[in-house]
Amino acid sequence: MTAIQIKHRFTEAVLFEFEATNAQQQSGLALRHALEAATTAGANLRGANLRGANLHGANLRGANLRGANLRGANLRGADLHGADLYGANLY
């Protein structure tokens, strides 16, 4: 198991920590699983640094991603219904 940390884009403060299984690590989708777990737990991910993350098909319904850095992230097929993306970097 490997700890995956979702950090704030400016302060580097840890917003959420997730223990990824070996299978999740090997799939290359450990960050996606961490983000889904954070969303399910109701974690405040405001300002999260998710630059370049592979979030293909992720369930991010209702996630607080206000001001998050999603530059270059793969959001294809992600469920963002009700997610707060105000001020997020989506380039």
C-alpha atoms as a PDB file:
ATOM      1  CA  MET A   1       0.000   0.000   0.000  1.00  0.00           C
ATOM      2  CA  THR A   2       1.170   3.480  -0.860  1.00  0.00           C
ATOM      3  CA  ALA A   3      -0.035   6.777   0.588  1.00  0.00           C
ATOM      4  CA  ILE A   4      -1.385   9.174  -2.036  1.00  0.00           C
ATOM      5  CA  GLN A   5      -1.600  12.783  -0.907  1.00  0.00           C
ATOM      6  CA  ILE A   6      -3.745  15.449  -2.512  1.00  0.00           C
ATOM      7  CA  LYS A   7      -2.059  18.758  -1.761  1.00  0.00           C
ATOM      8  CA  HIS A   8      -3.021  22.398  -2.036  1.00  0.00           C
ATOM      9  CA  ARG A   9      -1.618  23.986  -5.198  1.00  0.00           C
ATOM     10  CA  PHE A  10      -0.006  26.954  -3.421  1.00  0.00           C
ATOM     11  CA  THR A  11       0.652  25.969   0.201  1.00  0.00           C
ATOM     12  CA  GLU A  12       1.430  22.254  -0.334  1.00  0.00           C
ATOM     13  CA  ALA A  13      -0.775  21.511   2.689  1.00  0.00           C
ATOM     14  CA  VAL A  14      -2.174  17.975   2.567  1.00  0.00           C
ATOM     15  CA  LEU A  15      -5.911  18.171   1.854  1.00  0.00           C
ATOM     16  CA  PHE A  16      -6.542  14.423   1.793  1.00  0.00           C
ATOM     17  CA  GLU A  17      -4.501  11.238   2.158  1.00  0.00           C
ATOM     18  CA  PHE A  18      -5.441   7.855   0.696  1.00  0.00           C
ATOM     19  CA  GLU A  19      -3.864   4.418   0.994  1.00  0.00           C
ATOM     20  CA  ALA A  20      -3.725   3.023  -2.544  1.00  0.00           C
ATOM     21  CA  THR A  21      -3.504  -0.710  -3.098  1.00  0.00           C
ATOM     22  CA  ASN A  22      -0.785  -2.191  -5.275  1.00  0.00           C
ATOM     23  CA  ALA A  23      -3.382  -2.852  -7.995  1.00  0.00           C
ATOM     24  CA  GLN A  24      -4.493   0.796  -7.938  1.00  0.00           C
ATOM     25  CA  GLN A  25      -0.862   1.916  -8.156  1.00  0.00           C
ATOM     26  CA  GLN A  26      -0.101  -0.404 -11.055  1.00  0.00           C
ATOM     27  CA  SER A  27      -3.210   0.697 -12.959  1.00  0.00           C
ATOM     28  CA  GLY A  28      -1.907   4.288 -13.001  1.00  0.00           C
ATOM     29  CA  LEU A  29      -5.221   5.473 -11.553  1.00  0.00           C
ATOM     30  CA  ALA A  30      -4.272   5.749  -7.877  1.00  0.00           C
ATOM     31  CA  LEU A  31      -4.851   9.513  -7.839  1.00  0.00           C
ATOM     32  CA  ARG A  32      -8.277   9.017  -9.410  1.00  0.00           C
ATOM     33  CA  HIS A  33      -9.196   6.544  -6.659  1.00  0.00           C
ATOM     34  CA  ALA A  34      -7.875   8.962  -4.028  1.00  0.00           C
ATOM     35  CA  LEU A  35      -9.939  11.812  -5.455  1.00  0.00           C
ATOM     36  CA  GLU A  36     -13.082   9.661  -5.582  1.00  0.00           C
ATOM     37  CA  ALA A  37     -12.538   8.626  -1.953  1.00  0.00           C
ATOM     38  CA  ALA A  38     -12.027  12.263  -0.947  1.00  0.00           C
ATOM     39  CA  THR A  39     -15.218  13.269  -2.757  1.00  0.00           C
ATOM     40  CA  THR A  40     -17.204  10.468  -1.109  1.00  0.00           C
ATOM     41  CA  ALA A  41     -15.829  11.513   2.295  1.00  0.00           C
ATOM     42  CA  GLY A  42     -16.875  15.121   1.649  1.00  0.00           C
ATOM     43  CA  ALA A  43     -13.303  16.390   1.852  1.00  0.00           C
ATOM     44  CA  ASN A  44     -12.682  20.035   0.999  1.00  0.00           C
ATOM     45  CA  LEU A  45     -10.425  19.901  -2.068  1.00  0.00           C
ATOM     46  CA  ARG A  46     -10.485  23.644  -2.636  1.00  0.00           C
ATOM     47  CA  GLY A  47      -7.232  24.653  -4.337  1.00  0.00           C
ATOM     48  CA  ALA A  48      -6.079  21.061  -4.921  1.00  0.00           C
ATOM     49  CA  ASN A  49      -3.133  20.492  -7.240  1.00  0.00           C
ATOM     50  CA  LEU A  50      -4.398  17.916  -9.757  1.00  0.00           C
ATOM     51  CA  ARG A  51      -2.266  19.047 -12.673  1.00  0.00           C
ATOM     52  CA  GLY A  52      -1.974  16.352 -15.337  1.00  0.00           C
ATOM     53  CA  ALA A  53      -3.999  13.818 -13.338  1.00  0.00           C
ATOM     54  CA  ASN A  54      -5.664  10.936 -15.164  1.00  0.00           C
ATOM     55  CA  LEU A  55      -9.248  11.311 -13.931  1.00  0.00           C
ATOM     56  CA  HIS A  56     -10.822   9.483 -16.875  1.00  0.00           C
ATOM     57  CA  GLY A  57     -14.274   8.258 -15.816  1.00  0.00           C
ATOM     58  CA  ALA A  58     -13.903   9.498 -12.231  1.00  0.00           C
ATOM     59  CA  ASN A  59     -16.972  10.047 -10.065  1.00  0.00           C
ATOM     60  CA  LEU A  60     -16.441  13.626  -8.860  1.00  0.00           C
ATOM     61  CA  ARG A  61     -20.115  14.362  -8.304  1.00  0.00           C
ATOM     62  CA  GLY A  62     -20.448  17.257  -5.847  1.00  0.00           C
ATOM     63  CA  ALA A  63     -16.679  17.649  -5.340  1.00  0.00           C
ATOM     64  CA  ASN A  64     -15.389  20.972  -4.014  1.00  0.00           C
ATOM     65  CA  LEU A  65     -12.678  21.718  -6.586  1.00  0.00           C
ATOM     66  CA  ARG A  66     -12.983  25.498  -6.348  1.00  0.00           C
ATOM     67  CA  GLY A  67      -9.692  27.053  -7.425  1.00  0.00           C
ATOM     68  CA  ALA A  68      -8.113  23.648  -8.119  1.00  0.00           C
ATOM     69  CA  ASN A  69      -5.342  23.258 -10.686  1.00  0.00           C
ATOM     70  CA  LEU A  70      -6.640  20.771 -13.262  1.00  0.00           C
ATOM     71  CA  ARG A  71      -4.358  21.948 -16.062  1.00  0.00           C
ATOM     72  CA  GLY A  72      -3.743  19.039 -18.431  1.00  0.00           C
ATOM     73  CA  ALA A  73      -5.913  16.662 -16.396  1.00  0.00           C
ATOM     74  CA  ASN A  74      -7.811  13.993 -18.320  1.00  0.00           C
ATOM     75  CA  LEU A  75     -11.463  14.560 -17.356  1.00  0.00           C
ATOM     76  CA  ARG A  76     -12.960  12.561 -20.249  1.00  0.00           C
ATOM     77  CA  GLY A  77     -16.053  10.760 -19.017  1.00  0.00           C
ATOM     78  CA  ALA A  78     -15.741  12.161 -15.477  1.00  0.00           C
ATOM     79  CA  ASP A  79     -18.992  12.848 -13.632  1.00  0.00           C
ATOM     80  CA  LEU A  80     -18.744  16.476 -12.495  1.00  0.00           C
ATOM     81  CA  HIS A  81     -22.454  17.034 -11.766  1.00  0.00           C
ATOM     82  CA  GLY A  82     -22.759  19.487  -8.892  1.00  0.00           C
ATOM     83  CA  ALA A  83     -18.980  19.909  -8.597  1.00  0.00           C
ATOM     84  CA  ASP A  84     -17.756  23.382  -7.655  1.00  0.00           C
ATOM     85  CA  LEU A  85     -15.153  24.329 -10.284  1.00  0.00           C
ATOM     86  CA  TYR A  86     -15.321  28.107  -9.763  1.00  0.00           C
ATOM     87  CA  GLY A  87     -11.899  29.569 -10.446  1.00  0.00           C
ATOM     88  CA  ALA A  88     -10.382  26.179 -11.310  1.00  0.00           C
ATOM     89  CA  ASN A  89      -7.606  26.066 -13.918  1.00  0.00           C
ATOM     90  CA  LEU A  90      -8.999  23.834 -16.676  1.00  0.00           C
ATOM     91  CA  TYR A  91      -6.511  24.618 -19.464  1.00  0.00           C
END
